[in-house]
Amino acid sequence: MIRGSNTELIKIVAMVIANWQAMLSVRILTDYQGCTIRLTEERLKHVLEHPEMRGMESALEETVRQPTLVIESRTDLPVQLNYRFYVGTRIGDKWLCVVVK
């Protein structure tokens, strides 16, 4: 049996549902090889928590679609690291790395 008030239980259930909805909301991207990449709202939210990534949503898609360099992970074989260089970001010039699994 769960202890606590119904109000607390309702808040917990609402929070769990909101988290699941965020995970189920998916953007479909196409990579440089024409493969489909799923970007969940949960992952996008995580990326955008980094202040230097705010406003760079389109750069994520561009980096996956047209990377300058792609490196396969040595430790996790299905993982690819997609790199593209950007000039004049919030923190100056930078290489953006989008990890795709």
N, C-alpha and C. Protein backbone atom coordinates (compact mmCIF):
# COMPACT_ATOMS: atom_id res chain seq x y z
N MET A 1 0.83 -1.18 0.00
CA MET A 1 0.00 0.00 0.00
C MET A 1 0.89 1.25 0.00
N ILE A 2 0.49 2.25 -0.75
CA ILE A 2 1.22 3.51 -0.81
C ILE A 2 0.71 4.43 0.27
N ARG A 3 1.64 4.99 1.04
CA ARG A 3 1.25 5.91 2.10
C ARG A 3 1.32 7.34 1.59
N GLY A 4 0.54 8.19 2.18
CA GLY A 4 0.52 9.58 1.79
C GLY A 4 -0.86 9.97 1.29
N SER A 5 -1.01 11.24 1.03
CA SER A 5 -2.32 11.72 0.60
C SER A 5 -2.55 11.43 -0.88
N ASN A 6 -3.82 11.45 -1.26
CA ASN A 6 -4.18 11.27 -2.67
C ASN A 6 -3.58 12.37 -3.53
N THR A 7 -3.49 13.57 -2.98
CA THR A 7 -2.91 14.69 -3.71
C THR A 7 -1.46 14.42 -4.07
N GLU A 8 -0.70 13.88 -3.12
CA GLU A 8 0.70 13.55 -3.39
C GLU A 8 0.81 12.48 -4.46
N LEU A 9 -0.05 11.47 -4.37
CA LEU A 9 -0.05 10.38 -5.35
C LEU A 9 -0.40 10.91 -6.73
N ILE A 10 -1.38 11.79 -6.82
CA ILE A 10 -1.77 12.38 -8.10
C ILE A 10 -0.62 13.17 -8.69
N LYS A 11 0.10 13.93 -7.87
CA LYS A 11 1.26 14.70 -8.36
C LYS A 11 2.34 13.77 -8.90
N ILE A 12 2.59 12.68 -8.20
CA ILE A 12 3.61 11.73 -8.64
C ILE A 12 3.21 11.09 -9.97
N VAL A 13 1.96 10.66 -10.07
CA VAL A 13 1.48 10.04 -11.31
C VAL A 13 1.55 11.04 -12.46
N ALA A 14 1.17 12.28 -12.23
CA ALA A 14 1.22 13.31 -13.27
C ALA A 14 2.66 13.55 -13.73
N MET A 15 3.59 13.54 -12.78
CA MET A 15 5.00 13.72 -13.13
C MET A 15 5.51 12.55 -13.98
N VAL A 16 5.14 11.34 -13.61
CA VAL A 16 5.56 10.16 -14.36
C VAL A 16 4.98 10.21 -15.77
N ILE A 17 3.71 10.57 -15.90
CA ILE A 17 3.08 10.67 -17.21
C ILE A 17 3.77 11.73 -18.06
N ALA A 18 4.08 12.88 -17.48
CA ALA A 18 4.76 13.95 -18.22
C ALA A 18 6.12 13.48 -18.71
N ASN A 19 6.85 12.75 -17.88
CA ASN A 19 8.16 12.24 -18.29
C ASN A 19 8.02 11.25 -19.44
N TRP A 20 7.03 10.37 -19.37
CA TRP A 20 6.81 9.41 -20.45
C TRP A 20 6.40 10.11 -21.73
N GLN A 21 5.57 11.13 -21.64
CA GLN A 21 5.17 11.87 -22.84
C GLN A 21 6.37 12.53 -23.49
N ALA A 22 7.27 13.08 -22.67
CA ALA A 22 8.48 13.71 -23.21
C ALA A 22 9.36 12.67 -23.91
N MET A 23 9.45 11.49 -23.34
CA MET A 23 10.26 10.44 -23.93
C MET A 23 9.64 9.92 -25.23
N LEU A 24 8.31 9.92 -25.30
CA LEU A 24 7.63 9.38 -26.47
C LEU A 24 7.54 10.39 -27.60
N SER A 25 7.69 11.66 -27.30
CA SER A 25 7.68 12.69 -28.33
C SER A 25 9.03 12.66 -29.04
N VAL A 26 8.99 12.36 -30.32
CA VAL A 26 10.23 12.09 -31.05
C VAL A 26 10.31 12.93 -32.32
N ARG A 27 11.47 13.49 -32.57
CA ARG A 27 11.77 14.13 -33.85
C ARG A 27 12.51 13.11 -34.70
N ILE A 28 12.16 13.03 -35.96
CA ILE A 28 12.83 12.12 -36.87
C ILE A 28 13.80 12.93 -37.72
N LEU A 29 15.07 12.57 -37.65
CA LEU A 29 16.12 13.21 -38.45
C LEU A 29 16.64 12.20 -39.46
N THR A 30 17.26 12.68 -40.51
CA THR A 30 17.89 11.82 -41.49
C THR A 30 19.37 12.14 -41.50
N ASP A 31 20.21 11.10 -41.37
CA ASP A 31 21.65 11.36 -41.33
C ASP A 31 22.24 11.42 -42.75
N TYR A 32 23.54 11.61 -42.83
CA TYR A 32 24.24 11.80 -44.09
C TYR A 32 24.18 10.56 -45.00
N GLN A 33 23.83 9.41 -44.45
CA GLN A 33 23.71 8.18 -45.23
C GLN A 33 22.25 7.86 -45.57
N GLY A 34 21.33 8.73 -45.16
CA GLY A 34 19.92 8.50 -45.40
C GLY A 34 19.24 7.65 -44.35
N CYS A 35 19.95 7.35 -43.27
CA CYS A 35 19.38 6.56 -42.18
C CYS A 35 18.51 7.44 -41.28
N THR A 36 17.50 6.85 -40.70
CA THR A 36 16.60 7.56 -39.80
C THR A 36 17.18 7.59 -38.39
N ILE A 37 17.17 8.77 -37.79
CA ILE A 37 17.65 8.98 -36.43
C ILE A 37 16.48 9.51 -35.61
N ARG A 38 16.25 8.92 -34.45
CA ARG A 38 15.19 9.38 -33.55
C ARG A 38 15.80 10.27 -32.48
N LEU A 39 15.28 11.48 -32.35
CA LEU A 39 15.72 12.41 -31.30
C LEU A 39 14.52 12.66 -30.39
N THR A 40 14.56 12.08 -29.18
CA THR A 40 13.43 12.27 -28.26
C THR A 40 13.49 13.65 -27.64
N GLU A 41 12.33 14.13 -27.22
CA GLU A 41 12.28 15.42 -26.52
C GLU A 41 13.11 15.36 -25.25
N GLU A 42 13.15 14.21 -24.60
CA GLU A 42 13.94 14.05 -23.38
C GLU A 42 15.42 14.27 -23.67
N ARG A 43 15.94 13.70 -24.76
CA ARG A 43 17.36 13.88 -25.12
C ARG A 43 17.63 15.31 -25.55
N LEU A 44 16.70 15.89 -26.33
CA LEU A 44 16.87 17.27 -26.76
C LEU A 44 16.89 18.20 -25.55
N LYS A 45 15.99 17.96 -24.61
CA LYS A 45 15.96 18.77 -23.39
C LYS A 45 17.28 18.67 -22.65
N HIS A 46 17.83 17.45 -22.56
CA HIS A 46 19.12 17.24 -21.90
C HIS A 46 20.22 18.04 -22.59
N VAL A 47 20.26 17.98 -23.91
CA VAL A 47 21.29 18.72 -24.66
C VAL A 47 21.15 20.21 -24.42
N LEU A 48 19.92 20.71 -24.45
CA LEU A 48 19.70 22.15 -24.32
C LEU A 48 19.86 22.66 -22.90
N GLU A 49 20.07 21.77 -21.94
CA GLU A 49 20.40 22.21 -20.58
C GLU A 49 21.79 22.84 -20.54
N HIS A 50 22.62 22.52 -21.51
CA HIS A 50 23.95 23.12 -21.60
C HIS A 50 23.79 24.52 -22.21
N PRO A 51 24.18 25.56 -21.48
CA PRO A 51 23.96 26.93 -21.96
C PRO A 51 24.54 27.19 -23.35
N GLU A 52 25.65 26.59 -23.67
CA GLU A 52 26.27 26.83 -24.98
C GLU A 52 25.49 26.21 -26.14
N MET A 53 24.51 25.36 -25.83
CA MET A 53 23.73 24.70 -26.87
C MET A 53 22.37 25.38 -27.13
N ARG A 54 22.01 26.33 -26.29
CA ARG A 54 20.73 27.02 -26.49
C ARG A 54 20.72 27.72 -27.85
N GLY A 55 19.63 27.51 -28.57
CA GLY A 55 19.50 28.13 -29.89
C GLY A 55 20.20 27.38 -31.00
N MET A 56 20.77 26.21 -30.69
CA MET A 56 21.52 25.46 -31.71
C MET A 56 20.80 24.18 -32.14
N GLU A 57 19.46 24.15 -31.98
CA GLU A 57 18.71 22.97 -32.36
C GLU A 57 18.92 22.63 -33.83
N SER A 58 18.89 23.64 -34.69
CA SER A 58 19.06 23.39 -36.12
C SER A 58 20.48 22.90 -36.43
N ALA A 59 21.45 23.32 -35.62
CA ALA A 59 22.83 22.85 -35.82
C ALA A 59 22.95 21.36 -35.52
N LEU A 60 22.16 20.87 -34.57
CA LEU A 60 22.15 19.43 -34.29
C LEU A 60 21.74 18.66 -35.54
N GLU A 61 20.64 19.10 -36.15
CA GLU A 61 20.15 18.43 -37.35
C GLU A 61 21.14 18.56 -38.49
N GLU A 62 21.71 19.74 -38.67
CA GLU A 62 22.68 19.96 -39.75
C GLU A 62 23.92 19.09 -39.56
N THR A 63 24.37 18.95 -38.33
CA THR A 63 25.56 18.15 -38.05
C THR A 63 25.32 16.67 -38.36
N VAL A 64 24.12 16.20 -38.09
CA VAL A 64 23.79 14.80 -38.40
C VAL A 64 23.64 14.63 -39.92
N ARG A 65 23.01 15.61 -40.57
CA ARG A 65 22.74 15.53 -42.01
C ARG A 65 23.98 15.77 -42.86
N GLN A 66 24.86 16.70 -42.42
CA GLN A 66 26.04 17.05 -43.21
C GLN A 66 27.27 17.22 -42.31
N PRO A 67 27.73 16.14 -41.70
CA PRO A 67 28.91 16.27 -40.83
C PRO A 67 30.17 16.53 -41.65
N THR A 68 31.10 17.23 -41.03
CA THR A 68 32.41 17.43 -41.65
C THR A 68 33.26 16.18 -41.47
N LEU A 69 33.06 15.52 -40.33
CA LEU A 69 33.85 14.34 -39.97
C LEU A 69 32.97 13.39 -39.17
N VAL A 70 33.10 12.09 -39.46
CA VAL A 70 32.38 11.06 -38.71
C VAL A 70 33.39 10.05 -38.21
N ILE A 71 33.35 9.79 -36.91
CA ILE A 71 34.27 8.83 -36.29
C ILE A 71 33.43 7.76 -35.60
N GLU A 72 33.77 6.50 -35.83
CA GLU A 72 33.10 5.42 -35.12
C GLU A 72 33.75 5.27 -33.75
N SER A 73 32.91 5.04 -32.75
CA SER A 73 33.40 4.86 -31.40
C SER A 73 34.26 3.61 -31.30
N ARG A 74 35.33 3.69 -30.57
CA ARG A 74 36.18 2.51 -30.35
C ARG A 74 35.63 1.61 -29.26
N THR A 75 34.83 2.17 -28.37
CA THR A 75 34.36 1.41 -27.21
C THR A 75 32.91 0.94 -27.35
N ASP A 76 32.14 1.57 -28.23
CA ASP A 76 30.74 1.21 -28.41
C ASP A 76 30.47 1.21 -29.91
N LEU A 77 30.61 0.05 -30.54
CA LEU A 77 30.64 -0.06 -31.99
C LEU A 77 29.46 0.57 -32.74
N PRO A 78 28.23 0.49 -32.27
CA PRO A 78 27.17 1.12 -33.06
C PRO A 78 27.15 2.65 -32.95
N VAL A 79 28.01 3.23 -32.15
CA VAL A 79 28.00 4.67 -31.92
C VAL A 79 28.89 5.39 -32.93
N GLN A 80 28.33 6.48 -33.49
CA GLN A 80 29.09 7.35 -34.38
C GLN A 80 29.13 8.76 -33.79
N LEU A 81 30.28 9.39 -33.91
CA LEU A 81 30.45 10.76 -33.47
C LEU A 81 30.50 11.64 -34.71
N ASN A 82 29.50 12.48 -34.87
CA ASN A 82 29.36 13.35 -36.04
C ASN A 82 29.83 14.76 -35.66
N TYR A 83 30.81 15.28 -36.37
CA TYR A 83 31.39 16.58 -36.07
C TYR A 83 31.13 17.58 -37.19
N ARG A 84 30.91 18.83 -36.80
CA ARG A 84 30.79 19.93 -37.75
C ARG A 84 31.26 21.19 -37.02
N PHE A 85 32.00 22.03 -37.74
CA PHE A 85 32.56 23.25 -37.16
C PHE A 85 31.61 24.42 -37.36
N TYR A 86 31.41 25.19 -36.29
CA TYR A 86 30.54 26.37 -36.34
C TYR A 86 31.32 27.60 -35.90
N VAL A 87 31.14 28.67 -36.64
CA VAL A 87 31.81 29.95 -36.36
C VAL A 87 30.81 30.88 -35.69
N GLY A 88 31.26 31.56 -34.64
CA GLY A 88 30.45 32.59 -34.00
C GLY A 88 29.29 32.09 -33.16
N THR A 89 29.48 30.97 -32.46
CA THR A 89 28.44 30.51 -31.55
C THR A 89 28.47 31.37 -30.29
N ARG A 90 27.61 31.06 -29.34
CA ARG A 90 27.57 31.82 -28.07
C ARG A 90 28.92 31.82 -27.36
N ILE A 91 29.70 30.77 -27.57
CA ILE A 91 30.99 30.67 -26.89
C ILE A 91 32.15 30.77 -27.88
N GLY A 92 31.87 31.33 -29.05
CA GLY A 92 32.91 31.47 -30.06
C GLY A 92 32.86 30.33 -31.06
N ASP A 93 33.96 30.15 -31.78
CA ASP A 93 34.04 29.08 -32.77
C ASP A 93 34.16 27.75 -32.05
N LYS A 94 33.46 26.72 -32.58
CA LYS A 94 33.50 25.43 -31.88
C LYS A 94 33.17 24.28 -32.83
N TRP A 95 33.70 23.12 -32.48
CA TRP A 95 33.30 21.88 -33.12
C TRP A 95 32.11 21.35 -32.35
N LEU A 96 31.03 21.06 -33.06
CA LEU A 96 29.86 20.44 -32.45
C LEU A 96 29.94 18.95 -32.72
N CYS A 97 29.80 18.16 -31.69
CA CYS A 97 29.80 16.71 -31.82
C CYS A 97 28.42 16.18 -31.45
N VAL A 98 27.78 15.49 -32.39
CA VAL A 98 26.49 14.85 -32.13
C VAL A 98 26.73 13.35 -32.13
N VAL A 99 26.45 12.73 -31.00
CA VAL A 99 26.67 11.30 -30.82
C VAL A 99 25.39 10.57 -31.21
N VAL A 100 25.52 9.61 -32.12
CA VAL A 100 24.37 8.86 -32.61
C VAL A 100 24.59 7.38 -32.34
N LYS A 101 23.57 6.77 -31.74
CA LYS A 101 23.65 5.33 -31.47
C LYS A 101 22.49 4.62 -32.16
